[in-house]
Amino acid sequence: MSALDRVIEERDRREPGFAAAVEAEQAEIRAFDDVVNVVLDRLSDLGWTREELAVRAHLNAASLRRLLTSSSANPTFATMMSIAEALGLRIEIREQTSFEQMLTAS
């Protein structure tokens, strides 16, 4: 068990639900990181810069940079659709597999 895990466990004893809140936040961060990594991988595959993507997605280059680097980024769905379309990708919503549900439940 890491030092961080011990701190979370101890705080959860004092504040029940704290560990669950931390896990939920970590899951959100992982999901956001997954999206950013897909965008960055696609940029690399296409040989584009972030500035080129911004132009093609009709976005401000500084806004796109913040979106891809900020831990508090909260893009609109329209923005994400513009990025996906410019990259030749699509956004889809799908049901979680039982394995994914098991991971998010723990």
PDB file of N, CA and C in Angstrom:
ATOM      1  N   MET A   1       0.853  -1.173   0.000  1.00  0.00           N
ATOM      2  CA  MET A   1       0.000   0.000   0.000  1.00  0.00           C
ATOM      3  C   MET A   1       0.902   1.239   0.000  1.00  0.00           C
ATOM      4  N   SER A   2       0.585   2.167  -0.872  1.00  0.00           N
ATOM      5  CA  SER A   2       1.398   3.384  -0.959  1.00  0.00           C
ATOM      6  C   SER A   2       1.046   4.352   0.168  1.00  0.00           C
ATOM      7  N   ALA A   3       1.905   5.340   0.331  1.00  0.00           N
ATOM      8  CA  ALA A   3       1.657   6.371   1.345  1.00  0.00           C
ATOM      9  C   ALA A   3       0.355   7.105   1.042  1.00  0.00           C
ATOM     10  N   LEU A   4       0.108   7.367  -0.227  1.00  0.00           N
ATOM     11  CA  LEU A   4      -1.142   8.046  -0.610  1.00  0.00           C
ATOM     12  C   LEU A   4      -2.351   7.188  -0.252  1.00  0.00           C
ATOM     13  N   ASP A   5      -2.269   5.899  -0.527  1.00  0.00           N
ATOM     14  CA  ASP A   5      -3.374   4.996  -0.180  1.00  0.00           C
ATOM     15  C   ASP A   5      -3.655   5.018   1.325  1.00  0.00           C
ATOM     16  N   ARG A   6      -2.589   5.049   2.118  1.00  0.00           N
ATOM     17  CA  ARG A   6      -2.762   5.093   3.579  1.00  0.00           C
ATOM     18  C   ARG A   6      -3.427   6.400   4.016  1.00  0.00           C
ATOM     19  N   VAL A   7      -3.025   7.499   3.403  1.00  0.00           N
ATOM     20  CA  VAL A   7      -3.627   8.795   3.740  1.00  0.00           C
ATOM     21  C   VAL A   7      -5.112   8.788   3.380  1.00  0.00           C
ATOM     22  N   ILE A   8      -5.430   8.268   2.210  1.00  0.00           N
ATOM     23  CA  ILE A   8      -6.835   8.213   1.777  1.00  0.00           C
ATOM     24  C   ILE A   8      -7.636   7.312   2.708  1.00  0.00           C
ATOM     25  N   GLU A   9      -7.078   6.172   3.056  1.00  0.00           N
ATOM     26  CA  GLU A   9      -7.763   5.239   3.959  1.00  0.00           C
ATOM     27  C   GLU A   9      -8.022   5.877   5.324  1.00  0.00           C
ATOM     28  N   GLU A  10      -7.020   6.546   5.853  1.00  0.00           N
ATOM     29  CA  GLU A  10      -7.155   7.202   7.150  1.00  0.00           C
ATOM     30  C   GLU A  10      -8.218   8.298   7.098  1.00  0.00           C
ATOM     31  N   ARG A  11      -8.167   9.102   6.061  1.00  0.00           N
ATOM     32  CA  ARG A  11      -9.154  10.184   5.951  1.00  0.00           C
ATOM     33  C   ARG A  11     -10.558   9.620   5.750  1.00  0.00           C
ATOM     34  N   ASP A  12     -10.651   8.498   5.022  1.00  0.00           N
ATOM     35  CA  ASP A  12     -11.958   7.876   4.813  1.00  0.00           C
ATOM     36  C   ASP A  12     -12.538   7.372   6.134  1.00  0.00           C
ATOM     37  N   ARG A  13     -11.684   6.969   7.058  1.00  0.00           N
ATOM     38  CA  ARG A  13     -12.174   6.565   8.391  1.00  0.00           C
ATOM     39  C   ARG A  13     -12.800   7.745   9.122  1.00  0.00           C
ATOM     40  N   ARG A  14     -12.166   8.925   8.965  1.00  0.00           N
ATOM     41  CA  ARG A  14     -12.690  10.126   9.615  1.00  0.00           C
ATOM     42  C   ARG A  14     -13.878  10.710   8.851  1.00  0.00           C
ATOM     43  N   GLU A  15     -13.824  10.610   7.538  1.00  0.00           N
ATOM     44  CA  GLU A  15     -14.871  11.171   6.673  1.00  0.00           C
ATOM     45  C   GLU A  15     -15.345  10.091   5.706  1.00  0.00           C
ATOM     46  N   PRO A  16     -16.298   9.264   6.151  1.00  0.00           N
ATOM     47  CA  PRO A  16     -16.785   8.189   5.277  1.00  0.00           C
ATOM     48  C   PRO A  16     -17.239   8.751   3.914  1.00  0.00           C
ATOM     49  N   GLY A  17     -16.803   8.073   2.889  1.00  0.00           N
ATOM     50  CA  GLY A  17     -17.132   8.514   1.538  1.00  0.00           C
ATOM     51  C   GLY A  17     -15.985   9.237   0.849  1.00  0.00           C
ATOM     52  N   PHE A  18     -14.964   9.606   1.633  1.00  0.00           N
ATOM     53  CA  PHE A  18     -13.830  10.320   1.053  1.00  0.00           C
ATOM     54  C   PHE A  18     -13.123   9.466   0.001  1.00  0.00           C
ATOM     55  N   ALA A  19     -12.868   8.189   0.308  1.00  0.00           N
ATOM     56  CA  ALA A  19     -12.170   7.302  -0.637  1.00  0.00           C
ATOM     57  C   ALA A  19     -12.973   7.144  -1.919  1.00  0.00           C
ATOM     58  N   ALA A  20     -14.280   7.037  -1.784  1.00  0.00           N
ATOM     59  CA  ALA A  20     -15.130   6.911  -2.983  1.00  0.00           C
ATOM     60  C   ALA A  20     -15.071   8.178  -3.826  1.00  0.00           C
ATOM     61  N   ALA A  21     -15.026   9.327  -3.165  1.00  0.00           N
ATOM     62  CA  ALA A  21     -14.932  10.597  -3.898  1.00  0.00           C
ATOM     63  C   ALA A  21     -13.592  10.710  -4.623  1.00  0.00           C
ATOM     64  N   VAL A  22     -12.529  10.267  -3.963  1.00  0.00           N
ATOM     65  CA  VAL A  22     -11.199  10.290  -4.595  1.00  0.00           C
ATOM     66  C   VAL A  22     -11.208   9.366  -5.809  1.00  0.00           C
ATOM     67  N   GLU A  23     -11.768   8.177  -5.666  1.00  0.00           N
ATOM     68  CA  GLU A  23     -11.815   7.221  -6.780  1.00  0.00           C
ATOM     69  C   GLU A  23     -12.632   7.778  -7.942  1.00  0.00           C
ATOM     70  N   ALA A  24     -13.739   8.434  -7.643  1.00  0.00           N
ATOM     71  CA  ALA A  24     -14.554   9.027  -8.702  1.00  0.00           C
ATOM     72  C   ALA A  24     -13.773  10.111  -9.444  1.00  0.00           C
ATOM     73  N   GLU A  25     -13.047  10.916  -8.686  1.00  0.00           N
ATOM     74  CA  GLU A  25     -12.227  11.972  -9.295  1.00  0.00           C
ATOM     75  C   GLU A  25     -11.119  11.367 -10.144  1.00  0.00           C
ATOM     76  N   GLN A  26     -10.493  10.317  -9.648  1.00  0.00           N
ATOM     77  CA  GLN A  26      -9.441   9.654 -10.413  1.00  0.00           C
ATOM     78  C   GLN A  26      -9.993   9.042 -11.698  1.00  0.00           C
ATOM     79  N   ALA A  27     -11.190   8.483 -11.646  1.00  0.00           N
ATOM     80  CA  ALA A  27     -11.811   7.909 -12.846  1.00  0.00           C
ATOM     81  C   ALA A  27     -12.081   8.997 -13.878  1.00  0.00           C
ATOM     82  N   GLU A  28     -12.522  10.160 -13.417  1.00  0.00           N
ATOM     83  CA  GLU A  28     -12.772  11.282 -14.323  1.00  0.00           C
ATOM     84  C   GLU A  28     -11.467  11.757 -14.965  1.00  0.00           C
ATOM     85  N   ILE A  29     -10.420  11.815 -14.171  1.00  0.00           N
ATOM     86  CA  ILE A  29      -9.110  12.227 -14.699  1.00  0.00           C
ATOM     87  C   ILE A  29      -8.616  11.223 -15.732  1.00  0.00           C
ATOM     88  N   ARG A  30      -8.763   9.930 -15.442  1.00  0.00           N
ATOM     89  CA  ARG A  30      -8.339   8.897 -16.400  1.00  0.00           C
ATOM     90  C   ARG A  30      -9.126   9.004 -17.695  1.00  0.00           C
ATOM     91  N   ALA A  31     -10.417   9.248 -17.597  1.00  0.00           N
ATOM     92  CA  ALA A  31     -11.246   9.380 -18.803  1.00  0.00           C
ATOM     93  C   ALA A  31     -10.807  10.579 -19.628  1.00  0.00           C
ATOM     94  N   PHE A  32     -10.547  11.698 -18.969  1.00  0.00           N
ATOM     95  CA  PHE A  32     -10.086  12.888 -19.676  1.00  0.00           C
ATOM     96  C   PHE A  32      -8.726  12.631 -20.318  1.00  0.00           C
ATOM     97  N   ASP A  33      -7.825  11.991 -19.565  1.00  0.00           N
ATOM     98  CA  ASP A  33      -6.505  11.661 -20.113  1.00  0.00           C
ATOM     99  C   ASP A  33      -6.626  10.769 -21.344  1.00  0.00           C
ATOM    100  N   ASP A  34      -7.556   9.823 -21.313  1.00  0.00           N
ATOM    101  CA  ASP A  34      -7.774   8.951 -22.471  1.00  0.00           C
ATOM    102  C   ASP A  34      -8.154   9.761 -23.705  1.00  0.00           C
ATOM    103  N   VAL A  35      -9.047  10.728 -23.530  1.00  0.00           N
ATOM    104  CA  VAL A  35      -9.485  11.562 -24.649  1.00  0.00           C
ATOM    105  C   VAL A  35      -8.321  12.400 -25.177  1.00  0.00           C
ATOM    106  N   VAL A  36      -7.591  13.026 -24.282  1.00  0.00           N
ATOM    107  CA  VAL A  36      -6.447  13.849 -24.698  1.00  0.00           C
ATOM    108  C   VAL A  36      -5.429  12.991 -25.431  1.00  0.00           C
ATOM    109  N   ASN A  37      -5.171  11.789 -24.929  1.00  0.00           N
ATOM    110  CA  ASN A  37      -4.202  10.910 -25.591  1.00  0.00           C
ATOM    111  C   ASN A  37      -4.652  10.501 -26.981  1.00  0.00           C
ATOM    112  N   VAL A  38      -5.935  10.258 -27.170  1.00  0.00           N
ATOM    113  CA  VAL A  38      -6.449   9.942 -28.508  1.00  0.00           C
ATOM    114  C   VAL A  38      -6.226  11.123 -29.442  1.00  0.00           C
ATOM    115  N   VAL A  39      -6.531  12.327 -28.973  1.00  0.00           N
ATOM    116  CA  VAL A  39      -6.332  13.533 -29.792  1.00  0.00           C
ATOM    117  C   VAL A  39      -4.857  13.700 -30.133  1.00  0.00           C
ATOM    118  N   LEU A  40      -3.982  13.583 -29.149  1.00  0.00           N
ATOM    119  CA  LEU A  40      -2.551  13.766 -29.398  1.00  0.00           C
ATOM    120  C   LEU A  40      -1.983  12.679 -30.313  1.00  0.00           C
ATOM    121  N   ASP A  41      -2.430  11.441 -30.128  1.00  0.00           N
ATOM    122  CA  ASP A  41      -1.989  10.361 -31.017  1.00  0.00           C
ATOM    123  C   ASP A  41      -2.434  10.611 -32.451  1.00  0.00           C
ATOM    124  N   ARG A  42      -3.672  11.076 -32.607  1.00  0.00           N
ATOM    125  CA  ARG A  42      -4.189  11.352 -33.956  1.00  0.00           C
ATOM    126  C   ARG A  42      -3.426  12.512 -34.586  1.00  0.00           C
ATOM    127  N   LEU A  43      -3.130  13.542 -33.803  1.00  0.00           N
ATOM    128  CA  LEU A  43      -2.324  14.656 -34.320  1.00  0.00           C
ATOM    129  C   LEU A  43      -0.986  14.138 -34.827  1.00  0.00           C
ATOM    130  N   SER A  44      -0.359  13.291 -34.062  1.00  0.00           N
ATOM    131  CA  SER A  44       0.927  12.723 -34.448  1.00  0.00           C
ATOM    132  C   SER A  44       0.798  11.899 -35.725  1.00  0.00           C
ATOM    133  N   ASP A  45      -0.242  11.063 -35.788  1.00  0.00           N
ATOM    134  CA  ASP A  45      -0.461  10.235 -36.978  1.00  0.00           C
ATOM    135  C   ASP A  45      -0.639  11.093 -38.235  1.00  0.00           C
ATOM    136  N   LEU A  46      -1.339  12.218 -38.079  1.00  0.00           N
ATOM    137  CA  LEU A  46      -1.606  13.106 -39.211  1.00  0.00           C
ATOM    138  C   LEU A  46      -0.448  14.062 -39.491  1.00  0.00           C
ATOM    139  N   GLY A  47       0.476  14.173 -38.541  1.00  0.00           N
ATOM    140  CA  GLY A  47       1.592  15.104 -38.702  1.00  0.00           C
ATOM    141  C   GLY A  47       1.178  16.559 -38.546  1.00  0.00           C
ATOM    142  N   TRP A  48       0.116  16.784 -37.760  1.00  0.00           N
ATOM    143  CA  TRP A  48      -0.387  18.142 -37.544  1.00  0.00           C
ATOM    144  C   TRP A  48       0.132  18.690 -36.224  1.00  0.00           C
ATOM    145  N   THR A  49       0.198  20.007 -36.158  1.00  0.00           N
ATOM    146  CA  THR A  49       0.466  20.686 -34.893  1.00  0.00           C
ATOM    147  C   THR A  49      -0.875  20.971 -34.219  1.00  0.00           C
ATOM    148  N   ARG A  50      -0.801  21.378 -32.990  1.00  0.00           N
ATOM    149  CA  ARG A  50      -2.030  21.770 -32.285  1.00  0.00           C
ATOM    150  C   ARG A  50      -2.643  23.003 -32.929  1.00  0.00           C
ATOM    151  N   GLU A  51      -1.787  23.883 -33.440  1.00  0.00           N
ATOM    152  CA  GLU A  51      -2.280  25.087 -34.108  1.00  0.00           C
ATOM    153  C   GLU A  51      -3.053  24.723 -35.376  1.00  0.00           C
ATOM    154  N   GLU A  52      -2.542  23.720 -36.120  1.00  0.00           N
ATOM    155  CA  GLU A  52      -3.256  23.270 -37.317  1.00  0.00           C
ATOM    156  C   GLU A  52      -4.621  22.695 -36.950  1.00  0.00           C
ATOM    157  N   LEU A  53      -4.657  21.925 -35.878  1.00  0.00           N
ATOM    158  CA  LEU A  53      -5.938  21.377 -35.426  1.00  0.00           C
ATOM    159  C   LEU A  53      -6.889  22.500 -35.053  1.00  0.00           C
ATOM    160  N   ALA A  54      -6.388  23.492 -34.341  1.00  0.00           N
ATOM    161  CA  ALA A  54      -7.246  24.612 -33.942  1.00  0.00           C
ATOM    162  C   ALA A  54      -7.874  25.272 -35.171  1.00  0.00           C
ATOM    163  N   VAL A  55      -7.082  25.505 -36.196  1.00  0.00           N
ATOM    164  CA  VAL A  55      -7.601  26.130 -37.420  1.00  0.00           C
ATOM    165  C   VAL A  55      -8.663  25.233 -38.053  1.00  0.00           C
ATOM    166  N   ARG A  56      -8.353  23.951 -38.190  1.00  0.00           N
ATOM    167  CA  ARG A  56      -9.287  23.017 -38.840  1.00  0.00           C
ATOM    168  C   ARG A  56     -10.566  22.803 -38.035  1.00  0.00           C
ATOM    169  N   ALA A  57     -10.463  22.937 -36.705  1.00  0.00           N
ATOM    170  CA  ALA A  57     -11.634  22.752 -35.840  1.00  0.00           C
ATOM    171  C   ALA A  57     -12.334  24.075 -35.541  1.00  0.00           C
ATOM    172  N   HIS A  58     -11.841  25.169 -36.143  1.00  0.00           N
ATOM    173  CA  HIS A  58     -12.415  26.508 -35.940  1.00  0.00           C
ATOM    174  C   HIS A  58     -12.400  26.907 -34.463  1.00  0.00           C
ATOM    175  N   LEU A  59     -11.246  26.668 -33.833  1.00  0.00           N
ATOM    176  CA  LEU A  59     -11.071  27.007 -32.424  1.00  0.00           C
ATOM    177  C   LEU A  59      -9.899  27.962 -32.269  1.00  0.00           C
ATOM    178  N   ASN A  60      -9.901  28.691 -31.193  1.00  0.00           N
ATOM    179  CA  ASN A  60      -8.774  29.543 -30.837  1.00  0.00           C
ATOM    180  C   ASN A  60      -7.627  28.633 -30.396  1.00  0.00           C
ATOM    181  N   ALA A  61      -6.426  28.873 -30.932  1.00  0.00           N
ATOM    182  CA  ALA A  61      -5.281  28.009 -30.623  1.00  0.00           C
ATOM    183  C   ALA A  61      -4.978  27.977 -29.120  1.00  0.00           C
ATOM    184  N   ALA A  62      -5.065  29.099 -28.453  1.00  0.00           N
ATOM    185  CA  ALA A  62      -4.797  29.141 -27.013  1.00  0.00           C
ATOM    186  C   ALA A  62      -5.840  28.322 -26.249  1.00  0.00           C
ATOM    187  N   SER A  63      -7.072  28.398 -26.674  1.00  0.00           N
ATOM    188  CA  SER A  63      -8.126  27.623 -26.017  1.00  0.00           C
ATOM    189  C   SER A  63      -7.894  26.131 -26.187  1.00  0.00           C
ATOM    190  N   LEU A  64      -7.478  25.730 -27.385  1.00  0.00           N
ATOM    191  CA  LEU A  64      -7.198  24.321 -27.621  1.00  0.00           C
ATOM    192  C   LEU A  64      -6.022  23.857 -26.762  1.00  0.00           C
ATOM    193  N   ARG A  65      -4.987  24.662 -26.678  1.00  0.00           N
ATOM    194  CA  ARG A  65      -3.832  24.312 -25.840  1.00  0.00           C
ATOM    195  C   ARG A  65      -4.253  24.124 -24.379  1.00  0.00           C
ATOM    196  N   ARG A  66      -5.081  25.050 -23.877  1.00  0.00           N
ATOM    197  CA  ARG A  66      -5.561  24.929 -22.495  1.00  0.00           C
ATOM    198  C   ARG A  66      -6.395  23.660 -22.326  1.00  0.00           C
ATOM    199  N   LEU A  67      -7.223  23.385 -23.305  1.00  0.00           N
ATOM    200  CA  LEU A  67      -8.076  22.198 -23.249  1.00  0.00           C
ATOM    201  C   LEU A  67      -7.230  20.928 -23.134  1.00  0.00           C
ATOM    202  N   LEU A  68      -6.119  20.883 -23.859  1.00  0.00           N
ATOM    203  CA  LEU A  68      -5.300  19.683 -23.884  1.00  0.00           C
ATOM    204  C   LEU A  68      -4.318  19.589 -22.722  1.00  0.00           C
ATOM    205  N   THR A  69      -4.161  20.660 -21.956  1.00  0.00           N
ATOM    206  CA  THR A  69      -3.179  20.639 -20.878  1.00  0.00           C
ATOM    207  C   THR A  69      -3.744  20.943 -19.495  1.00  0.00           C
ATOM    208  N   SER A  70      -4.911  21.537 -19.412  1.00  0.00           N
ATOM    209  CA  SER A  70      -5.458  21.959 -18.127  1.00  0.00           C
ATOM    210  C   SER A  70      -6.128  20.806 -17.402  1.00  0.00           C
ATOM    211  N   SER A  71      -5.844  20.695 -16.124  1.00  0.00           N
ATOM    212  CA  SER A  71      -6.505  19.666 -15.321  1.00  0.00           C
ATOM    213  C   SER A  71      -7.958  20.023 -15.028  1.00  0.00           C
ATOM    214  N   SER A  72      -8.332  21.269 -15.283  1.00  0.00           N
ATOM    215  CA  SER A  72      -9.713  21.682 -15.014  1.00  0.00           C
ATOM    216  C   SER A  72     -10.477  21.992 -16.301  1.00  0.00           C
ATOM    217  N   ALA A  73      -9.988  21.481 -17.429  1.00  0.00           N
ATOM    218  CA  ALA A  73     -10.668  21.729 -18.705  1.00  0.00           C
ATOM    219  C   ALA A  73     -12.072  21.147 -18.656  1.00  0.00           C
ATOM    220  N   ASN A  74     -13.000  21.866 -19.220  1.00  0.00           N
ATOM    221  CA  ASN A  74     -14.387  21.421 -19.251  1.00  0.00           C
ATOM    222  C   ASN A  74     -14.997  21.852 -20.586  1.00  0.00           C
ATOM    223  N   PRO A  75     -14.583  21.189 -21.670  1.00  0.00           N
ATOM    224  CA  PRO A  75     -15.050  21.613 -22.992  1.00  0.00           C
ATOM    225  C   PRO A  75     -16.524  21.310 -23.200  1.00  0.00           C
ATOM    226  N   THR A  76     -17.133  22.079 -24.076  1.00  0.00           N
ATOM    227  CA  THR A  76     -18.521  21.792 -24.435  1.00  0.00           C
ATOM    228  C   THR A  76     -18.535  20.601 -25.389  1.00  0.00           C
ATOM    229  N   PHE A  77     -19.696  20.021 -25.521  1.00  0.00           N
ATOM    230  CA  PHE A  77     -19.849  18.910 -26.463  1.00  0.00           C
ATOM    231  C   PHE A  77     -19.587  19.403 -27.884  1.00  0.00           C
ATOM    232  N   ALA A  78     -20.035  20.601 -28.190  1.00  0.00           N
ATOM    233  CA  ALA A  78     -19.807  21.160 -29.529  1.00  0.00           C
ATOM    234  C   ALA A  78     -18.317  21.296 -29.821  1.00  0.00           C
ATOM    235  N   THR A  79     -17.540  21.711 -28.829  1.00  0.00           N
ATOM    236  CA  THR A  79     -16.097  21.823 -29.005  1.00  0.00           C
ATOM    237  C   THR A  79     -15.488  20.452 -29.271  1.00  0.00           C
ATOM    238  N   MET A  80     -15.879  19.467 -28.497  1.00  0.00           N
ATOM    239  CA  MET A  80     -15.344  18.115 -28.693  1.00  0.00           C
ATOM    240  C   MET A  80     -15.754  17.558 -30.056  1.00  0.00           C
ATOM    241  N   MET A  81     -16.958  17.868 -30.491  1.00  0.00           N
ATOM    242  CA  MET A  81     -17.402  17.425 -31.819  1.00  0.00           C
ATOM    243  C   MET A  81     -16.563  18.093 -32.906  1.00  0.00           C
ATOM    244  N   SER A  82     -16.260  19.367 -32.756  1.00  0.00           N
ATOM    245  CA  SER A  82     -15.427  20.077 -33.733  1.00  0.00           C
ATOM    246  C   SER A  82     -14.043  19.459 -33.822  1.00  0.00           C
ATOM    247  N   ILE A  83     -13.472  19.132 -32.677  1.00  0.00           N
ATOM    248  CA  ILE A  83     -12.150  18.515 -32.650  1.00  0.00           C
ATOM    249  C   ILE A  83     -12.194  17.141 -33.308  1.00  0.00           C
ATOM    250  N   ALA A  84     -13.167  16.331 -32.921  1.00  0.00           N
ATOM    251  CA  ALA A  84     -13.292  14.984 -33.484  1.00  0.00           C
ATOM    252  C   ALA A  84     -13.485  15.046 -35.001  1.00  0.00           C
ATOM    253  N   GLU A  85     -14.359  15.912 -35.445  1.00  0.00           N
ATOM    254  CA  GLU A  85     -14.618  16.033 -36.884  1.00  0.00           C
ATOM    255  C   GLU A  85     -13.359  16.455 -37.634  1.00  0.00           C
ATOM    256  N   ALA A  86     -12.640  17.415 -37.106  1.00  0.00           N
ATOM    257  CA  ALA A  86     -11.410  17.880 -37.762  1.00  0.00           C
ATOM    258  C   ALA A  86     -10.383  16.757 -37.862  1.00  0.00           C
ATOM    259  N   LEU A  87     -10.372  15.865 -36.879  1.00  0.00           N
ATOM    260  CA  LEU A  87      -9.407  14.761 -36.856  1.00  0.00           C
ATOM    261  C   LEU A  87      -9.896  13.522 -37.599  1.00  0.00           C
ATOM    262  N   GLY A  88     -11.120  13.588 -38.122  1.00  0.00           N
ATOM    263  CA  GLY A  88     -11.673  12.418 -38.796  1.00  0.00           C
ATOM    264  C   GLY A  88     -12.079  11.328 -37.819  1.00  0.00           C
ATOM    265  N   LEU A  89     -12.453  11.737 -36.615  1.00  0.00           N
ATOM    266  CA  LEU A  89     -12.880  10.807 -35.576  1.00  0.00           C
ATOM    267  C   LEU A  89     -14.352  11.031 -35.279  1.00  0.00           C
ATOM    268  N   ARG A  90     -14.918  10.135 -34.503  1.00  0.00           N
ATOM    269  CA  ARG A  90     -16.296  10.339 -34.052  1.00  0.00           C
ATOM    270  C   ARG A  90     -16.379  10.053 -32.570  1.00  0.00           C
ATOM    271  N   ILE A  91     -17.313  10.701 -31.948  1.00  0.00           N
ATOM    272  CA  ILE A  91     -17.574  10.489 -30.529  1.00  0.00           C
ATOM    273  C   ILE A  91     -18.758   9.546 -30.444  1.00  0.00           C
ATOM    274  N   GLU A  92     -18.628   8.534 -29.621  1.00  0.00           N
ATOM    275  CA  GLU A  92     -19.757   7.633 -29.460  1.00  0.00           C
ATOM    276  C   GLU A  92     -19.979   7.330 -27.985  1.00  0.00           C
ATOM    277  N   ILE A  93     -21.207   7.076 -27.675  1.00  0.00           N
ATOM    278  CA  ILE A  93     -21.582   6.691 -26.321  1.00  0.00           C
ATOM    279  C   ILE A  93     -21.978   5.227 -26.394  1.00  0.00           C
ATOM    280  N   ARG A  94     -21.391   4.447 -25.504  1.00  0.00           N
ATOM    281  CA  ARG A  94     -21.686   3.022 -25.528  1.00  0.00           C
ATOM    282  C   ARG A  94     -21.858   2.516 -24.106  1.00  0.00           C
ATOM    283  N   GLU A  95     -22.533   1.428 -24.002  1.00  0.00           N
ATOM    284  CA  GLU A  95     -22.739   0.809 -22.705  1.00  0.00           C
ATOM    285  C   GLU A  95     -21.421   0.231 -22.208  1.00  0.00           C
ATOM    286  N   GLN A  96     -21.177   0.359 -20.918  1.00  0.00           N
ATOM    287  CA  GLN A  96     -19.973  -0.210 -20.326  1.00  0.00           C
ATOM    288  C   GLN A  96     -20.052  -1.725 -20.360  1.00  0.00           C
ATOM    289  N   THR A  97     -18.915  -2.359 -20.557  1.00  0.00           N
ATOM    290  CA  THR A  97     -18.871  -3.809 -20.437  1.00  0.00           C
ATOM    291  C   THR A  97     -18.956  -4.163 -18.960  1.00  0.00           C
ATOM    292  N   SER A  98     -19.232  -5.406 -18.656  1.00  0.00           N
ATOM    293  CA  SER A  98     -19.310  -5.807 -17.253  1.00  0.00           C
ATOM    294  C   SER A  98     -17.959  -5.618 -16.570  1.00  0.00           C
ATOM    295  N   PHE A  99     -16.852  -5.807 -17.311  1.00  0.00           N
ATOM    296  CA  PHE A  99     -15.524  -5.596 -16.748  1.00  0.00           C
ATOM    297  C   PHE A  99     -15.325  -4.125 -16.387  1.00  0.00           C
ATOM    298  N   GLU A 100     -15.725  -3.207 -17.272  1.00  0.00           N
ATOM    299  CA  GLU A 100     -15.597  -1.774 -16.992  1.00  0.00           C
ATOM    300  C   GLU A 100     -16.454  -1.389 -15.800  1.00  0.00           C
ATOM    301  N   GLN A 101     -17.651  -1.964 -15.679  1.00  0.00           N
ATOM    302  CA  GLN A 101     -18.518  -1.678 -14.539  1.00  0.00           C
ATOM    303  C   GLN A 101     -17.879  -2.156 -13.252  1.00  0.00           C
ATOM    304  N   MET A 102     -17.233  -3.310 -13.315  1.00  0.00           N
ATOM    305  CA  MET A 102     -16.581  -3.861 -12.133  1.00  0.00           C
ATOM    306  C   MET A 102     -15.438  -2.925 -11.692  1.00  0.00           C
ATOM    307  N   LEU A 103     -14.687  -2.387 -12.656  1.00  0.00           N
ATOM    308  CA  LEU A 103     -13.587  -1.482 -12.317  1.00  0.00           C
ATOM    309  C   LEU A 103     -14.091  -0.197 -11.689  1.00  0.00           C
ATOM    310  N   THR A 104     -15.187   0.353 -12.193  1.00  0.00           N
ATOM    311  CA  THR A 104     -15.689   1.611 -11.659  1.00  0.00           C
ATOM    312  C   THR A 104     -16.420   1.412 -10.334  1.00  0.00           C
ATOM    313  N   ALA A 105     -16.859   0.195 -10.050  1.00  0.00           N
ATOM    314  CA  ALA A 105     -17.558  -0.061  -8.796  1.00  0.00           C
ATOM    315  C   ALA A 105     -16.597  -0.231  -7.630  1.00  0.00           C
ATOM    316  N   SER A 106     -15.354  -0.581  -7.921  1.00  0.00           N
ATOM    317  CA  SER A 106     -14.409  -0.831  -6.813  1.00  0.00           C
ATOM    318  C   SER A 106     -13.771   0.420  -6.307  1.00  0.00           C
TER     319      SER A 106
END
